[in-house]
Protein backbone atom coordinates (compact mmCIF):
# COMPACT_ATOMS: atom_id res chain seq x y z
CA UNK A 1 0.00 0.00 0.00
CA UNK A 2 2.80 2.40 0.93
CA UNK A 3 4.63 1.50 -2.26
CA UNK A 4 1.50 2.29 -4.29
CA UNK A 5 1.14 5.61 -2.48
CA UNK A 6 4.76 6.49 -3.19
CA UNK A 7 4.28 5.65 -6.88
CA UNK A 8 1.13 7.78 -7.05
CA UNK A 9 2.87 10.73 -5.40
CA UNK A 10 5.82 10.34 -7.76
CA UNK A 11 3.57 10.28 -10.82
CA UNK A 12 1.60 13.31 -9.66
CA UNK A 13 4.79 15.22 -8.85
CA UNK A 14 6.18 14.35 -12.28
CA UNK A 15 3.02 15.63 -13.97
CA UNK A 16 3.18 18.87 -11.99
CA UNK A 17 6.84 19.34 -12.92
CA UNK A 18 6.11 18.71 -16.60
CA UNK A 19 3.24 21.21 -16.54
CA UNK A 20 5.44 23.81 -14.85
CA UNK A 21 8.24 23.22 -17.37
CA UNK A 22 5.81 23.44 -20.30
CA UNK A 23 4.36 26.66 -18.89
CA UNK A 24 7.84 28.12 -18.42
CA UNK A 25 8.87 27.05 -21.93
CA UNK A 26 5.86 28.74 -23.56
CA UNK A 27 6.11 31.77 -21.33
CA UNK A 28 9.77 32.49 -21.89
CA UNK A 29 10.46 31.27 -25.44
CA UNK A 30 7.38 32.53 -27.28
CA UNK A 31 6.47 34.45 -29.32
CA UNK A 32 9.17 33.30 -31.73
CA UNK A 33 9.70 35.98 -34.36
CA UNK A 34 12.79 37.75 -35.60
CA UNK A 35 13.96 40.98 -33.94
CA UNK A 36 12.60 44.24 -35.33
CA UNK A 37 14.48 45.24 -38.50
CA UNK A 38 16.71 48.27 -38.74
CA UNK A 39 14.38 50.61 -40.60
CA UNK A 40 13.92 54.33 -41.16
CA UNK A 41 10.89 55.27 -43.23
CA UNK A 42 11.28 58.37 -45.41
CA UNK A 43 7.87 60.10 -45.00
CA UNK A 44 7.47 61.63 -48.45
CA UNK A 45 4.11 63.25 -49.28
CA UNK A 46 3.43 60.42 -51.75
CA UNK A 47 4.13 57.74 -49.14
CA UNK A 48 1.95 59.46 -46.53
CA UNK A 49 -0.89 59.76 -49.05
CA UNK A 50 -0.62 56.05 -49.86
CA UNK A 51 -0.64 55.24 -46.15
CA UNK A 52 -3.67 57.44 -45.54
CA UNK A 53 -5.56 55.58 -48.26
CA UNK A 54 -4.60 52.15 -46.96
CA UNK A 55 -5.18 52.93 -43.28
CA UNK A 56 -8.61 54.48 -43.86
CA UNK A 57 -10.06 52.55 -46.80
CA UNK A 58 -8.31 49.18 -47.19
CA UNK A 59 -6.52 47.89 -44.07
CA UNK A 60 -8.89 50.04 -41.98
CA UNK A 61 -6.51 50.75 -39.12
CA UNK A 62 -8.83 53.62 -38.19
CA UNK A 63 -11.77 51.23 -37.90
CA UNK A 64 -10.64 49.62 -34.64
CA UNK A 65 -8.20 52.27 -33.48
CA UNK A 66 -10.90 54.93 -33.16
CA UNK A 67 -14.16 55.10 -31.27
CA UNK A 68 -16.89 53.96 -33.63
CA UNK A 69 -20.28 55.69 -33.51
CA UNK A 70 -22.82 52.86 -33.68
CA UNK A 71 -25.71 55.31 -33.51
CA UNK A 72 -24.92 55.68 -37.23
CA UNK A 73 -25.05 52.95 -39.83
CA UNK A 74 -21.83 50.89 -40.08
CA UNK A 75 -20.32 52.61 -37.02
CA UNK A 76 -18.06 55.24 -38.61
CA UNK A 77 -15.23 56.69 -36.48
CA UNK A 78 -16.24 59.50 -34.15
CA UNK A 79 -14.52 62.68 -35.37
CA UNK A 80 -11.57 63.60 -33.21
CA UNK A 81 -10.90 60.04 -32.02
CA UNK A 82 -9.12 58.79 -35.14
CA UNK A 83 -6.20 56.63 -34.05
CA UNK A 84 -6.79 57.23 -30.33
CA UNK A 85 -7.79 53.61 -29.71
CA UNK A 86 -10.06 52.34 -26.98
CA UNK A 87 -12.26 49.90 -28.90
CA UNK A 88 -12.96 46.97 -26.54
CA UNK A 89 -13.41 43.34 -27.54
CA UNK A 90 -14.41 40.97 -24.74
CA UNK A 91 -16.13 37.75 -23.72
CA UNK A 92 -19.59 39.13 -24.56
CA UNK A 93 -18.40 39.10 -28.19
CA UNK A 94 -17.04 35.58 -27.91
CA UNK A 95 -13.45 36.70 -27.31
CA UNK A 96 -11.11 34.65 -25.08
CA UNK A 97 -10.30 37.62 -22.90
CA UNK A 98 -10.53 41.41 -22.92
CA UNK A 99 -8.63 43.16 -25.68
CA UNK A 100 -8.26 46.88 -26.42
CA UNK A 101 -7.20 48.65 -29.60
CA UNK A 102 -4.20 50.80 -28.72
CA UNK A 103 -3.51 54.46 -29.44
CA UNK A 104 -1.70 54.59 -32.81
CA UNK A 105 -1.32 58.36 -33.05
CA UNK A 106 2.17 59.73 -32.25
CA UNK A 107 1.03 59.95 -28.61
CA UNK A 108 0.85 56.16 -28.49
CA UNK A 109 3.60 55.07 -30.88
CA UNK A 110 6.38 57.61 -30.33
CA UNK A 111 8.30 55.09 -28.22
CA UNK A 112 8.40 52.69 -31.18
CA UNK A 113 11.09 52.76 -33.85
CA UNK A 114 9.96 52.35 -37.45
CA UNK A 115 11.35 48.81 -37.39
CA UNK A 116 9.38 47.98 -34.24
CA UNK A 117 6.21 49.35 -35.84
CA UNK A 118 6.88 47.25 -38.92
CA UNK A 119 7.23 44.16 -36.74
CA UNK A 120 4.11 44.73 -34.66
CA UNK A 121 1.99 45.43 -37.77
CA UNK A 122 3.21 42.37 -39.67
CA UNK A 123 3.77 39.81 -36.88
CA UNK A 124 1.63 41.00 -33.97
CA UNK A 125 4.59 41.19 -31.57
CA UNK A 126 4.99 44.37 -29.56
CA UNK A 127 8.08 46.28 -28.49
CA UNK A 128 7.87 44.40 -25.19
CA UNK A 129 7.76 41.07 -27.07
CA UNK A 130 4.10 40.45 -26.24
CA UNK A 131 1.74 38.77 -28.70
CA UNK A 132 -1.33 40.66 -29.89
CA UNK A 133 -4.68 38.93 -30.25
CA UNK A 134 -5.25 38.43 -34.00
CA UNK A 135 -8.43 40.47 -34.10
CA UNK A 136 -5.68 42.81 -35.27
CA UNK A 137 -5.27 41.00 -38.63
CA UNK A 138 -1.50 40.92 -38.65
CA UNK A 139 -1.41 37.47 -40.34
CA UNK A 140 -2.79 39.26 -43.42
CA UNK A 141 -0.66 42.39 -43.10
CA UNK A 142 2.42 40.18 -42.89
CA UNK A 143 1.77 39.13 -46.50
CA UNK A 144 1.76 42.67 -47.88
CA UNK A 145 4.46 44.52 -49.79
CA UNK A 146 6.98 46.15 -47.48
CA UNK A 147 6.52 49.59 -49.06
CA UNK A 148 2.78 49.48 -48.30
CA UNK A 149 3.55 48.82 -44.62
CA UNK A 150 6.11 51.63 -44.76
CA UNK A 151 3.35 53.88 -46.13
CA UNK A 152 1.07 53.09 -43.19
CA UNK A 153 3.91 53.84 -40.77
CA UNK A 154 4.58 57.17 -42.48
CA UNK A 155 0.90 58.08 -42.28
CA UNK A 156 0.57 57.14 -38.60
CA UNK A 157 3.58 59.30 -37.79
CA UNK A 158 1.86 62.22 -39.54
CA UNK A 159 -1.33 62.08 -37.45
CA UNK A 160 -1.97 64.75 -34.83
CA UNK A 161 -1.23 63.29 -31.38
CA UNK A 162 -4.40 62.42 -29.47
CA UNK A 163 -3.98 61.72 -25.77
CA UNK A 164 -5.74 58.65 -24.43
CA UNK A 165 -5.04 56.09 -21.74
CA UNK A 166 -5.88 52.59 -22.95
CA UNK A 167 -6.03 49.65 -20.51
CA UNK A 168 -3.81 46.65 -21.15
CA UNK A 169 -5.37 43.68 -22.92
CA UNK A 170 -5.67 40.43 -20.99
CA UNK A 171 -6.25 36.99 -22.47
CA UNK A 172 -8.08 34.34 -20.45
CA UNK A 173 -6.14 31.27 -19.31
CA UNK A 174 -5.22 28.91 -21.00
CA UNK A 175 -5.60 30.94 -24.21
CA UNK A 176 -3.06 33.36 -22.77
CA UNK A 177 -0.47 30.62 -23.43
CA UNK A 178 -1.82 29.67 -26.85
CA UNK A 179 -1.76 33.32 -27.89
CA UNK A 180 2.02 33.39 -27.51
CA UNK A 181 2.36 30.72 -30.21
CA UNK A 182 0.29 32.49 -32.88
CA UNK A 183 2.72 35.13 -34.23
CA UNK A 184 5.10 34.03 -37.01
CA UNK A 185 7.59 35.93 -39.11
CA UNK A 186 6.13 38.10 -41.84
CA UNK A 187 6.36 36.86 -45.43
CA UNK A 188 6.05 40.07 -47.47
CA UNK A 189 4.95 39.67 -51.08
CA UNK A 190 5.47 42.15 -53.92
CA UNK A 191 2.36 44.13 -54.84
CA UNK A 192 1.09 42.86 -58.21
CA UNK A 193 0.65 45.28 -61.08
CA UNK A 194 -2.86 46.67 -61.36
CA UNK A 195 -2.99 45.32 -64.91
CA UNK A 196 -2.81 41.79 -63.45
CA UNK A 197 -6.35 42.25 -62.19
CA UNK A 198 -6.99 38.94 -60.44
CA UNK A 199 -3.60 38.80 -58.69
CA UNK A 200 -3.95 42.45 -57.71
CA UNK A 201 -7.51 41.80 -56.49
CA UNK A 202 -6.30 38.93 -54.32
CA UNK A 203 -3.63 41.21 -52.87
CA UNK A 204 -6.16 43.94 -52.02
CA UNK A 205 -8.71 41.45 -50.64
CA UNK A 206 -5.98 40.06 -48.39
CA UNK A 207 -5.00 43.55 -47.26
CA UNK A 208 -8.66 44.25 -46.46
CA UNK A 209 -8.88 40.90 -44.62
CA UNK A 210 -12.12 40.04 -46.43
CA UNK A 211 -11.71 36.34 -45.64
CA UNK A 212 -11.41 37.01 -41.92
CA UNK A 213 -15.02 38.13 -41.51
CA UNK A 214 -16.59 36.32 -44.46
CA UNK A 215 -15.54 32.83 -43.34
CA UNK A 216 -17.08 30.75 -40.53
CA UNK A 217 -15.01 30.06 -37.43
CA UNK A 218 -14.80 26.88 -35.37
CA UNK A 219 -12.97 26.82 -32.03
CA UNK A 220 -11.50 30.21 -32.81
CA UNK A 221 -10.03 29.11 -36.14
CA UNK A 222 -11.02 30.13 -39.66
CA UNK A 223 -12.52 27.16 -41.55
CA UNK A 224 -10.29 27.50 -44.61
CA UNK A 225 -12.29 25.11 -46.84
CA UNK A 226 -15.29 27.43 -46.42
CA UNK A 227 -13.37 30.62 -47.24
CA UNK A 228 -15.56 33.59 -48.22
CA UNK A 229 -18.79 31.61 -47.77
CA UNK A 230 -19.98 33.84 -44.94
CA UNK A 231 -21.87 32.85 -41.84
CA UNK A 232 -19.46 34.18 -39.24
CA UNK A 233 -21.49 35.41 -36.29
CA UNK A 234 -21.19 38.70 -34.43
CA UNK A 235 -23.30 39.68 -31.45
CA UNK A 236 -24.90 43.08 -31.91
CA UNK A 237 -26.62 45.29 -29.32
CA UNK A 238 -30.04 44.08 -28.22
CA UNK A 239 -29.09 40.41 -28.42
CA UNK A 240 -29.13 40.31 -32.21
CA UNK A 241 -26.81 37.93 -34.02
CA UNK A 242 -25.44 39.32 -37.29
CA UNK A 243 -23.96 36.88 -39.81
CA UNK A 244 -21.70 37.86 -42.68
CA UNK A 245 -22.90 37.13 -46.21
CA UNK A 246 -21.58 34.60 -48.68
CA UNK A 247 -19.26 36.38 -51.15
CA UNK A 248 -18.24 33.36 -53.23
CA UNK A 249 -19.47 33.27 -56.87
CA UNK A 250 -22.28 30.80 -56.06
CA UNK A 251 -25.84 31.93 -56.75
CA UNK A 252 -26.36 32.10 -52.96
CA UNK A 253 -23.46 34.56 -52.83
CA UNK A 254 -22.19 36.94 -55.52
CA UNK A 255 -23.18 34.67 -58.41
CA UNK A 256 -25.85 37.06 -59.71
CA UNK A 257 -23.90 40.24 -59.00
CA UNK A 258 -22.40 42.25 -61.81
CA UNK A 259 -19.24 44.31 -61.41
CA UNK A 260 -21.38 47.45 -61.48
CA UNK A 261 -23.62 46.16 -58.68
CA UNK A 262 -20.60 45.25 -56.56
CA UNK A 263 -18.99 48.68 -56.89
CA UNK A 264 -22.28 50.50 -56.38
CA UNK A 265 -22.86 48.59 -53.12
CA UNK A 266 -19.69 50.16 -51.71
CA UNK A 267 -20.00 53.61 -53.23
CA UNK A 268 -23.58 53.93 -51.98
CA UNK A 269 -22.18 54.51 -48.49
CA UNK A 270 -19.72 57.23 -49.43
CA UNK A 271 -20.61 60.18 -47.17
CA UNK A 272 -23.77 58.31 -46.21
CA UNK A 273 -23.35 56.88 -42.69
CA UNK A 274 -26.90 57.84 -41.75
CA UNK A 275 -28.24 58.02 -38.19
CA UNK A 276 -30.25 54.97 -37.16
CA UNK A 277 -33.82 55.08 -35.98
CA UNK A 278 -35.15 52.86 -33.20
CA UNK A 279 -35.46 49.30 -34.42
CA UNK A 280 -33.05 49.73 -37.35
CA UNK A 281 -30.48 46.97 -37.77
CA UNK A 282 -26.82 47.95 -37.77
CA UNK A 283 -23.71 46.19 -39.07
CA UNK A 284 -20.07 45.91 -38.08
CA UNK A 285 -19.14 46.07 -41.79
CA UNK A 286 -17.45 49.50 -42.02
CA UNK A 287 -19.15 50.48 -45.26
CA UNK A 288 -18.47 54.20 -44.90
CA UNK A 289 -14.72 53.49 -44.74
CA UNK A 290 -14.56 50.90 -47.52
CA UNK A 291 -16.64 53.28 -49.65
CA UNK A 292 -13.53 55.40 -50.11
CA UNK A 293 -11.71 52.54 -51.85
CA UNK A 294 -10.53 53.30 -55.37
CA UNK A 295 -12.88 51.97 -58.06
CA UNK A 296 -10.00 50.16 -59.79
CA UNK A 297 -9.24 48.36 -56.53
CA UNK A 298 -12.90 47.41 -56.04
CA UNK A 299 -13.05 46.07 -59.60
CA UNK A 300 -9.96 43.96 -58.94
CA UNK A 301 -11.41 42.53 -55.71
CA UNK A 302 -14.61 41.66 -57.57
CA UNK A 303 -12.60 39.94 -60.31
CA UNK A 304 -10.69 37.93 -57.72
CA UNK A 305 -13.81 36.90 -55.77
CA UNK A 306 -15.31 35.57 -59.01
CA UNK A 307 -12.40 33.08 -59.14
CA UNK A 308 -12.65 31.63 -55.61
CA UNK A 309 -14.45 28.26 -55.18
CA UNK A 310 -18.22 28.70 -55.32
CA UNK A 311 -19.86 27.46 -52.13
CA UNK A 312 -23.58 27.01 -51.71
CA UNK A 313 -24.70 28.65 -48.50
CA UNK A 314 -27.74 30.77 -47.79
CA UNK A 315 -27.02 32.99 -44.80
CA UNK A 316 -29.68 34.40 -42.48
CA UNK A 317 -28.16 37.81 -41.82
CA UNK A 318 -29.96 38.76 -38.58
CA UNK A 319 -31.44 36.62 -35.84
CA UNK A 320 -32.71 37.54 -32.40
CA UNK A 321 -31.22 35.47 -29.61
CA UNK A 322 -33.69 33.73 -27.34
CA UNK A 323 -33.83 35.02 -23.77
């Protein structure tokens, strides 16, 4: 009996030691990405203009890193808060913790070198070597051309400083350990020529992270074989579930849409983020920001989406949760 007890204690102690060692290994060796590069961005007017376009109408940095006004359709940024951060994502939205969008005006990023900004944008690893939750779509930004990331950095440096104090994000355990393993080194790709419409459209759709919202998620992971088929759920105020639409070329998605219809859908919201009335449904899709996308870029995205695998899926866009 004593021998059995000693064996049991030994086994339990061994398990505890292994768990502690595994915890220490994850905690002290991850995230595993290369050091920030030596980089100095030359903020030419042309580069800043490119960055302004990308940050406001494609990558939508200003979508999360501002305070969105959801009293208006599509929740456009509240004037004066652009880049100041503060958007909160928590367990009520299905998040494994509480995460805040940081201040990305010069007030918040002045302590970062250009190389450190490049690394955090493209790998999700901060100056302090902490991993960001990938609601910040750095896995997509890490595939972009280096000069486009440089442009965003130049633009962010040009913003007027806006003072704000943003709480630290905190992941729930055990996801706090898993989070450390998510960042990987960036794999920048050259930006295709606009004349190569489908390749360029894929590049712009990746930059805009279209797949991220328009693909269902299981256990926190994108279901890659259902890419662009929609159905990802977001909890809206009032207990309403909003699901993203199917944007594959199936008839239940974009199959019946012409290029003109696709472009018009975006441009309809240019300068048109109207105030909602009681009972109106809202959306997290930042239409008023995407509306500023260049028509050539929208055409290219449409051309690319027409080439992705067609998936049959009829999506019920809004559904009231049961009490």
